[in-house]
Amino acid sequence: MSRAFESIRVGRWTLPQRFVMAPLTRNRAGAGMVPTELAAQYYGQRASAGLIISEGTQPSAVGQGYLDTPGIHSAEQAAGWARVAGAVHAGGGRIVVQLMHAGRIAHPDNKGGLETVAPSAVPAPGRIVTASGEQDHPIPRALETAELPTVAADFADAARKAVEAGLDGVEIHAANGYLLHQFLAPSSNVRTDAYGGSPANRARLVVEVTRAVAEAIGADRVGIRISPAHNIQGVLEEDELDTAATYDTLVDQLAPLGLAYLSILGDPASDLVRTLRKRFGGPVIVNSGFAGTTTLEQVDGILEQDLADLVAVGRLFLANPDLPRRWREALPLNEPDPATFYGGGAEGYTDYPFSS
């Protein structure tokens, strides 16, 4: 029997298998950045994932980065997520919403003119898609020290809304070059206050956000995602010693909280990922990255080598709503269509067929 189909206890959930659905941005939110009935259908179709980690969802209006990404800071958005939760639970699944403040990976045109904020007034490289076409990332406003408790409070309030809407919990997004990752990295955080400079200072906001969320909804409903040395979107962690010190101090402060899980994007066989898993002490999900599609053989290999407790799977869940059955029964797989990944309607979203 494949190890991928062993059940496992994670936080307050007993999951039917050791692979979960990774967060996948789809840019299909409705007016007011509300999840639609189509989103409820999409997530409900994938309930057999056992645990779904939702697309990145802004905890505040200013936290929005891209066009048409859902929020969870208004009553209307919470109602939309309640429909999603109902559809997933009707299929026997569990879903957590990934709380993602985009920070400097944003543009005012994508969020009603609201400013872009970041740890420091250092713009991200490259360009961002807006309703009027690609534009340069703007120079963000550096958040004042006195504002940072509000950032933590926004995450905690969004987490409360998620649980009240019937979602099973949240994942804090501290990876992939977004706001919390921007605080962790010396390239994007050049602050001179208590939230910049040393590894411990750069980790401070992530710890405070996580504590606030855990206190709001219970630590066993909370996961957190990190991507050390991912070096993406101008968030660079190229000094191995500094990176290790930053994430060691971060994980050492997270471990006592009793979180549901730690999700790490990176090479699961690397010394850094192995060390962080050991320091965390609880369930660890790994995502081996975006370079290729994660196969069942790769999932089994990671588990058999004891490199993780669970594995996050992305694109194959996007194209195969019944992926666990297909893998278990060695059935043919649908191929993902990259042309329909972002934006649009049902095509490439809810029209991938189940196996007959």
Protein backbone atom coordinates (compact mmCIF):
# COMPACT_ATOMS: atom_id res chain seq x y z
CA MET A 1 0.00 0.00 0.00
CA SER A 2 1.26 3.46 -0.90
CA ARG A 3 2.21 5.51 2.14
CA ALA A 4 0.37 8.41 0.53
CA PHE A 5 -2.94 6.84 1.60
CA GLU A 6 -2.15 6.48 5.28
CA SER A 7 -4.35 8.60 7.54
CA ILE A 8 -2.73 11.19 9.79
CA ARG A 9 -3.74 13.49 12.63
CA VAL A 10 -3.03 17.16 11.88
CA GLY A 11 -4.19 19.74 14.40
CA ARG A 12 -7.81 18.97 15.20
CA TRP A 13 -8.33 17.01 11.96
CA THR A 14 -7.83 13.35 11.08
CA LEU A 15 -6.96 13.36 7.39
CA PRO A 16 -7.59 10.35 5.12
CA GLN A 17 -4.25 10.58 3.32
CA ARG A 18 -0.86 12.26 3.45
CA PHE A 19 -1.19 14.61 0.48
CA VAL A 20 -3.22 17.80 0.53
CA MET A 21 -4.38 20.35 -2.02
CA ALA A 22 -1.91 23.22 -2.24
CA PRO A 23 -3.05 26.86 -2.42
CA LEU A 24 -3.70 27.85 -6.05
CA THR A 25 -4.49 31.43 -7.06
CA ARG A 26 -7.32 31.45 -9.62
CA ASN A 27 -8.33 35.17 -9.91
CA ARG A 28 -12.05 34.48 -10.11
CA ALA A 29 -13.53 36.42 -7.17
CA GLY A 30 -16.75 38.30 -7.82
CA ALA A 31 -17.75 41.90 -7.07
CA GLY A 32 -16.39 43.06 -3.74
CA MET A 33 -13.77 40.28 -3.92
CA VAL A 34 -16.44 37.79 -2.78
CA PRO A 35 -16.03 34.05 -3.48
CA THR A 36 -18.73 33.06 -5.96
CA GLU A 37 -21.07 30.08 -6.26
CA LEU A 38 -18.66 28.84 -8.92
CA ALA A 39 -15.87 28.90 -6.31
CA ALA A 40 -18.05 26.83 -3.99
CA GLN A 41 -18.52 24.31 -6.79
CA TYR A 42 -14.78 24.27 -7.56
CA TYR A 43 -13.72 23.60 -3.98
CA GLY A 44 -16.61 21.22 -3.36
CA GLN A 45 -15.53 19.11 -6.32
CA ARG A 46 -12.13 18.66 -4.66
CA ALA A 47 -13.37 17.69 -1.20
CA SER A 48 -11.68 14.28 -1.43
CA ALA A 49 -8.34 16.06 -1.06
CA GLY A 50 -8.90 15.53 2.66
CA LEU A 51 -7.49 18.98 3.41
CA ILE A 52 -7.76 21.88 0.97
CA ILE A 53 -5.61 24.96 1.46
CA SER A 54 -7.44 27.75 -0.32
CA GLU A 55 -6.09 30.29 -2.74
CA GLY A 56 -4.35 33.30 -1.17
CA THR A 57 -7.01 35.48 0.46
CA GLN A 58 -6.42 39.01 1.68
CA PRO A 59 -7.10 39.68 5.38
CA SER A 60 -7.61 43.40 4.68
CA ALA A 61 -8.48 45.53 1.67
CA VAL A 62 -4.98 47.03 1.54
CA GLY A 63 -3.53 43.51 1.57
CA GLN A 64 -4.84 42.71 -1.92
CA GLY A 65 -2.19 42.25 -4.57
CA TYR A 66 -3.65 40.83 -7.73
CA LEU A 67 -6.87 41.33 -9.66
CA ASP A 68 -9.94 39.41 -8.53
CA THR A 69 -8.48 37.60 -5.54
CA PRO A 70 -10.93 36.92 -2.70
CA GLY A 71 -10.87 38.62 0.67
CA ILE A 72 -12.14 37.64 4.08
CA HIS A 73 -12.48 41.01 5.77
CA SER A 74 -16.10 41.89 4.95
CA ALA A 75 -19.41 40.28 5.86
CA GLU A 76 -20.14 39.62 2.18
CA GLN A 77 -16.81 37.87 1.69
CA ALA A 78 -17.37 35.75 4.79
CA ALA A 79 -20.78 34.74 3.43
CA GLY A 80 -19.14 33.66 0.19
CA TRP A 81 -16.63 31.57 2.11
CA ALA A 82 -19.48 30.03 4.11
CA ARG A 83 -20.89 28.68 0.85
CA VAL A 84 -17.47 27.28 -0.03
CA ALA A 85 -17.13 25.62 3.40
CA GLY A 86 -20.60 24.10 3.06
CA ALA A 87 -19.76 22.59 -0.32
CA VAL A 88 -16.48 21.10 0.92
CA HIS A 89 -18.05 19.69 4.08
CA ALA A 90 -20.90 18.19 2.07
CA GLY A 91 -18.23 16.17 0.25
CA GLY A 92 -16.60 15.06 3.49
CA GLY A 93 -13.58 17.36 3.22
CA ARG A 94 -11.89 20.06 5.24
CA ILE A 95 -10.70 23.48 4.05
CA VAL A 96 -8.49 26.17 5.54
CA VAL A 97 -8.24 29.64 4.03
CA GLN A 98 -4.76 30.94 3.28
CA LEU A 99 -4.40 34.47 4.67
CA MET A 100 -2.17 36.38 2.26
CA HIS A 101 -1.23 40.04 2.61
CA ALA A 102 0.61 40.80 -0.63
CA GLY A 103 2.57 43.76 0.73
CA ARG A 104 4.62 45.38 -2.05
CA ILE A 105 3.47 42.84 -4.69
CA ALA A 106 0.48 45.05 -5.40
CA HIS A 107 -0.78 48.06 -7.31
CA PRO A 108 -3.40 50.66 -6.28
CA ASP A 109 -5.30 50.02 -9.53
CA ASN A 110 -6.06 46.48 -8.35
CA LYS A 111 -7.62 47.54 -5.05
CA GLY A 112 -9.64 50.68 -5.55
CA GLY A 113 -6.73 53.08 -5.27
CA LEU A 114 -5.50 51.89 -1.87
CA GLU A 115 -1.81 52.40 -1.21
CA THR A 116 0.85 49.71 -1.34
CA VAL A 117 2.64 49.04 1.95
CA ALA A 118 5.71 47.01 2.86
CA PRO A 119 8.38 46.68 5.55
CA SER A 120 10.49 49.30 3.76
CA ALA A 121 10.13 51.71 0.86
CA VAL A 122 11.88 49.30 -1.49
CA PRO A 123 9.90 48.48 -4.64
CA ALA A 124 9.62 44.95 -5.95
CA PRO A 125 11.33 44.26 -9.27
CA GLY A 126 9.35 43.56 -12.38
CA ARG A 127 5.77 44.41 -13.27
CA ILE A 128 2.29 43.47 -12.14
CA VAL A 129 -0.85 42.87 -14.20
CA THR A 130 -3.57 45.48 -13.63
CA ALA A 131 -6.92 46.11 -15.30
CA SER A 132 -5.20 48.55 -17.66
CA GLY A 133 -2.27 46.29 -18.46
CA GLU A 134 1.14 45.56 -16.96
CA GLN A 135 2.64 48.30 -14.77
CA ASP A 136 5.78 48.66 -12.70
CA HIS A 137 5.46 47.82 -9.05
CA PRO A 138 5.11 51.14 -7.20
CA ILE A 139 7.42 52.32 -4.43
CA PRO A 140 5.59 51.10 -1.30
CA ARG A 141 5.09 53.09 1.87
CA ALA A 142 7.05 51.65 4.77
CA LEU A 143 4.71 50.64 7.58
CA GLU A 144 5.20 52.63 10.77
CA THR A 145 6.16 50.70 13.89
CA ALA A 146 2.90 51.77 15.53
CA GLU A 147 0.91 50.25 12.63
CA LEU A 148 2.25 46.73 12.98
CA PRO A 149 -0.13 45.64 15.77
CA THR A 150 -2.95 46.50 13.37
CA VAL A 151 -1.47 44.13 10.79
CA ALA A 152 -1.55 41.32 13.35
CA ALA A 153 -5.07 42.30 14.37
CA ASP A 154 -6.24 42.18 10.74
CA PHE A 155 -4.94 38.63 10.39
CA ALA A 156 -6.62 37.61 13.67
CA ASP A 157 -9.94 39.21 12.69
CA ALA A 158 -9.85 37.47 9.30
CA ALA A 159 -9.17 34.16 11.06
CA ARG A 160 -12.18 34.68 13.33
CA LYS A 161 -14.35 35.45 10.29
CA ALA A 162 -13.10 32.27 8.63
CA VAL A 163 -14.04 30.04 11.54
CA GLU A 164 -17.38 31.81 12.02
CA ALA A 165 -18.06 31.16 8.32
CA GLY A 166 -17.54 27.44 8.88
CA LEU A 167 -14.04 27.06 7.48
CA ASP A 168 -11.88 24.61 9.38
CA GLY A 169 -9.00 26.99 10.02
CA VAL A 170 -6.41 29.18 8.34
CA GLU A 171 -2.93 29.05 6.89
CA ILE A 172 -0.77 32.13 7.46
CA HIS A 173 1.15 32.96 4.29
CA ALA A 174 4.71 33.92 5.24
CA ALA A 175 6.25 32.78 1.96
CA ASN A 176 6.63 33.43 -1.77
CA GLY A 177 7.69 37.07 -1.50
CA TYR A 178 4.54 38.50 0.12
CA LEU A 179 4.32 40.82 3.13
CA LEU A 180 5.38 38.51 5.96
CA HIS A 181 8.17 37.04 3.85
CA GLN A 182 9.22 40.61 2.99
CA PHE A 183 9.73 41.21 6.71
CA LEU A 184 11.87 38.08 7.03
CA ALA A 185 14.31 38.91 4.24
CA PRO A 186 17.15 41.46 4.47
CA SER A 187 16.70 42.51 0.83
CA SER A 188 13.16 43.79 1.40
CA ASN A 189 13.42 44.70 5.09
CA VAL A 190 15.96 47.47 5.75
CA ARG A 191 14.22 48.76 8.88
CA THR A 192 16.17 50.07 11.84
CA ASP A 193 13.47 49.58 14.48
CA ALA A 194 12.64 46.43 16.47
CA TYR A 195 11.33 44.76 13.30
CA GLY A 196 14.49 45.02 11.21
CA GLY A 197 18.20 44.30 11.28
CA SER A 198 18.84 41.07 13.16
CA PRO A 199 17.28 37.72 12.27
CA ALA A 200 15.22 37.83 15.47
CA ASN A 201 13.92 41.30 14.67
CA ARG A 202 13.00 40.38 11.12
CA ALA A 203 11.09 37.34 12.40
CA ARG A 204 9.23 39.38 15.03
CA LEU A 205 6.13 40.34 13.01
CA VAL A 206 5.58 36.81 11.72
CA VAL A 207 5.66 35.51 15.30
CA GLU A 208 3.29 38.25 16.50
CA VAL A 209 0.83 37.59 13.66
CA THR A 210 0.89 33.86 14.33
CA ARG A 211 0.36 34.29 18.07
CA ALA A 212 -2.55 36.66 17.46
CA VAL A 213 -4.22 34.23 15.06
CA ALA A 214 -3.64 31.24 17.36
CA GLU A 215 -5.15 33.14 20.29
CA ALA A 216 -8.13 34.15 18.14
CA ILE A 217 -9.19 30.72 16.87
CA GLY A 218 -7.04 28.11 18.63
CA ALA A 219 -3.57 27.01 17.56
CA ASP A 220 -4.80 23.61 16.38
CA ARG A 221 -6.73 25.37 13.58
CA VAL A 222 -3.66 27.29 12.36
CA GLY A 223 -0.95 26.38 9.87
CA ILE A 224 1.83 28.58 8.51
CA ARG A 225 3.68 28.50 5.21
CA ILE A 226 7.31 29.54 4.75
CA SER A 227 9.69 29.40 1.77
CA PRO A 228 13.23 30.03 3.05
CA ALA A 229 15.75 31.00 0.36
CA HIS A 230 13.03 30.87 -2.29
CA ASN A 231 14.53 34.06 -3.75
CA ILE A 232 11.42 35.18 -5.57
CA GLN A 233 9.88 38.58 -6.36
CA GLY A 234 12.99 40.35 -5.12
CA VAL A 235 12.76 38.80 -1.66
CA LEU A 236 16.28 37.43 -1.49
CA GLU A 237 17.79 35.25 1.23
CA GLU A 238 21.17 34.45 -0.29
CA ASP A 239 23.33 34.37 2.85
CA GLU A 240 23.04 30.78 4.09
CA LEU A 241 24.04 31.59 7.67
CA ASP A 242 21.67 34.54 7.94
CA THR A 243 18.82 32.53 6.40
CA ALA A 244 19.38 29.64 8.80
CA ALA A 245 19.52 32.01 11.78
CA THR A 246 16.32 33.78 10.68
CA TYR A 247 14.26 30.63 10.21
CA ASP A 248 15.74 28.87 13.25
CA THR A 249 14.63 31.72 15.50
CA LEU A 250 11.26 31.89 13.75
CA VAL A 251 10.50 28.18 14.06
CA ASP A 252 11.84 28.02 17.62
CA GLN A 253 9.24 30.63 18.61
CA LEU A 254 6.44 28.98 16.62
CA ALA A 255 7.03 25.45 17.94
CA PRO A 256 5.69 26.05 21.48
CA LEU A 257 2.41 27.45 20.13
CA GLY A 258 1.10 24.01 19.17
CA LEU A 259 0.16 24.91 15.59
CA ALA A 260 -1.62 22.41 13.36
CA TYR A 261 1.23 22.31 10.88
CA LEU A 262 4.22 24.01 9.30
CA SER A 263 4.27 24.07 5.48
CA ILE A 264 7.67 24.51 3.84
CA LEU A 265 8.26 25.22 0.17
CA GLY A 266 11.73 23.99 -0.73
CA ASP A 267 13.86 20.93 -1.33
CA PRO A 268 12.65 18.45 1.33
CA ALA A 269 16.05 16.72 1.33
CA SER A 270 18.00 19.92 2.06
CA ASP A 271 19.71 20.39 5.41
CA LEU A 272 17.71 23.58 6.00
CA VAL A 273 14.30 21.94 5.53
CA ARG A 274 15.32 18.88 7.56
CA THR A 275 16.53 21.10 10.39
CA LEU A 276 13.39 23.23 10.44
CA ARG A 277 11.19 20.14 10.49
CA LYS A 278 13.08 18.78 13.49
CA ARG A 279 12.92 22.12 15.33
CA PHE A 280 9.18 22.46 14.70
CA GLY A 281 8.36 19.07 16.15
CA GLY A 282 4.82 18.89 14.75
CA PRO A 283 3.34 17.90 11.39
CA VAL A 284 5.27 19.33 8.44
CA ILE A 285 3.90 19.66 4.91
CA VAL A 286 6.45 20.06 2.14
CA ASN A 287 6.00 21.47 -1.33
CA SER A 288 8.93 20.66 -3.57
CA GLY A 289 8.38 23.77 -5.68
CA PHE A 290 6.99 25.01 -8.96
CA ALA A 291 9.49 23.46 -11.36
CA GLY A 292 7.35 20.45 -12.18
CA THR A 293 4.14 18.59 -11.46
CA THR A 294 4.14 16.55 -8.26
CA THR A 295 3.47 12.87 -8.98
CA LEU A 296 2.31 10.05 -6.72
CA GLU A 297 5.75 8.50 -7.03
CA GLN A 298 7.32 11.72 -5.74
CA VAL A 299 4.85 11.89 -2.85
CA ASP A 300 5.65 8.31 -1.89
CA GLY A 301 9.38 8.96 -2.20
CA ILE A 302 9.23 11.94 0.16
CA LEU A 303 7.19 9.98 2.69
CA GLU A 304 9.27 6.81 2.46
CA GLN A 305 12.46 8.78 3.07
CA ASP A 306 10.77 10.44 6.06
CA LEU A 307 11.39 13.92 4.66
CA ALA A 308 7.91 15.17 5.61
CA ASP A 309 4.65 14.12 7.20
CA LEU A 310 2.52 15.34 4.29
CA VAL A 311 3.01 16.66 0.76
CA ALA A 312 1.21 19.57 -0.92
CA VAL A 313 0.02 18.85 -4.47
CA GLY A 314 -1.03 21.67 -6.78
CA ARG A 315 -1.58 21.41 -10.52
CA LEU A 316 -2.85 17.83 -10.57
CA PHE A 317 -5.58 18.77 -8.08
CA LEU A 318 -6.45 21.72 -10.28
CA ALA A 319 -7.08 19.39 -13.26
CA ASN A 320 -8.31 16.30 -11.40
CA PRO A 321 -11.03 16.99 -8.84
CA ASP A 322 -11.00 13.28 -7.94
CA LEU A 323 -7.21 12.93 -7.80
CA PRO A 324 -7.11 10.62 -4.74
CA ARG A 325 -9.33 8.07 -6.50
CA ARG A 326 -7.34 8.33 -9.74
CA TRP A 327 -4.06 7.79 -7.91
CA ARG A 328 -5.41 4.95 -5.75
CA GLU A 329 -6.89 3.10 -8.75
CA ALA A 330 -4.13 4.01 -11.26
CA LEU A 331 -6.64 5.79 -13.51
CA PRO A 332 -5.62 8.18 -16.32
CA LEU A 333 -5.16 11.83 -15.36
CA ASN A 334 -6.50 15.03 -16.89
CA GLU A 335 -3.78 17.43 -18.06
CA PRO A 336 -3.84 20.96 -16.57
CA ASP A 337 -4.40 23.77 -19.08
CA PRO A 338 -2.12 26.72 -18.15
CA ALA A 339 -4.08 29.06 -20.44
CA THR A 340 -7.03 28.88 -18.01
CA PHE A 341 -5.15 29.01 -14.69
CA TYR A 342 -5.85 32.69 -13.95
CA GLY A 343 -9.14 34.48 -14.42
CA GLY A 344 -12.17 33.57 -16.49
CA GLY A 345 -15.19 31.44 -15.69
CA ALA A 346 -15.98 27.74 -15.55
CA GLU A 347 -13.57 26.75 -18.31
CA GLY A 348 -10.46 25.29 -16.78
CA TYR A 349 -12.02 25.73 -13.33
CA THR A 350 -15.06 23.54 -12.74
CA ASP A 351 -15.26 21.71 -16.07
CA TYR A 352 -12.40 19.22 -15.58
CA PRO A 353 -14.19 15.84 -15.67
CA PHE A 354 -14.28 13.25 -12.94
CA SER A 355 -13.11 9.81 -13.97
CA SER A 356 -15.90 7.62 -15.33
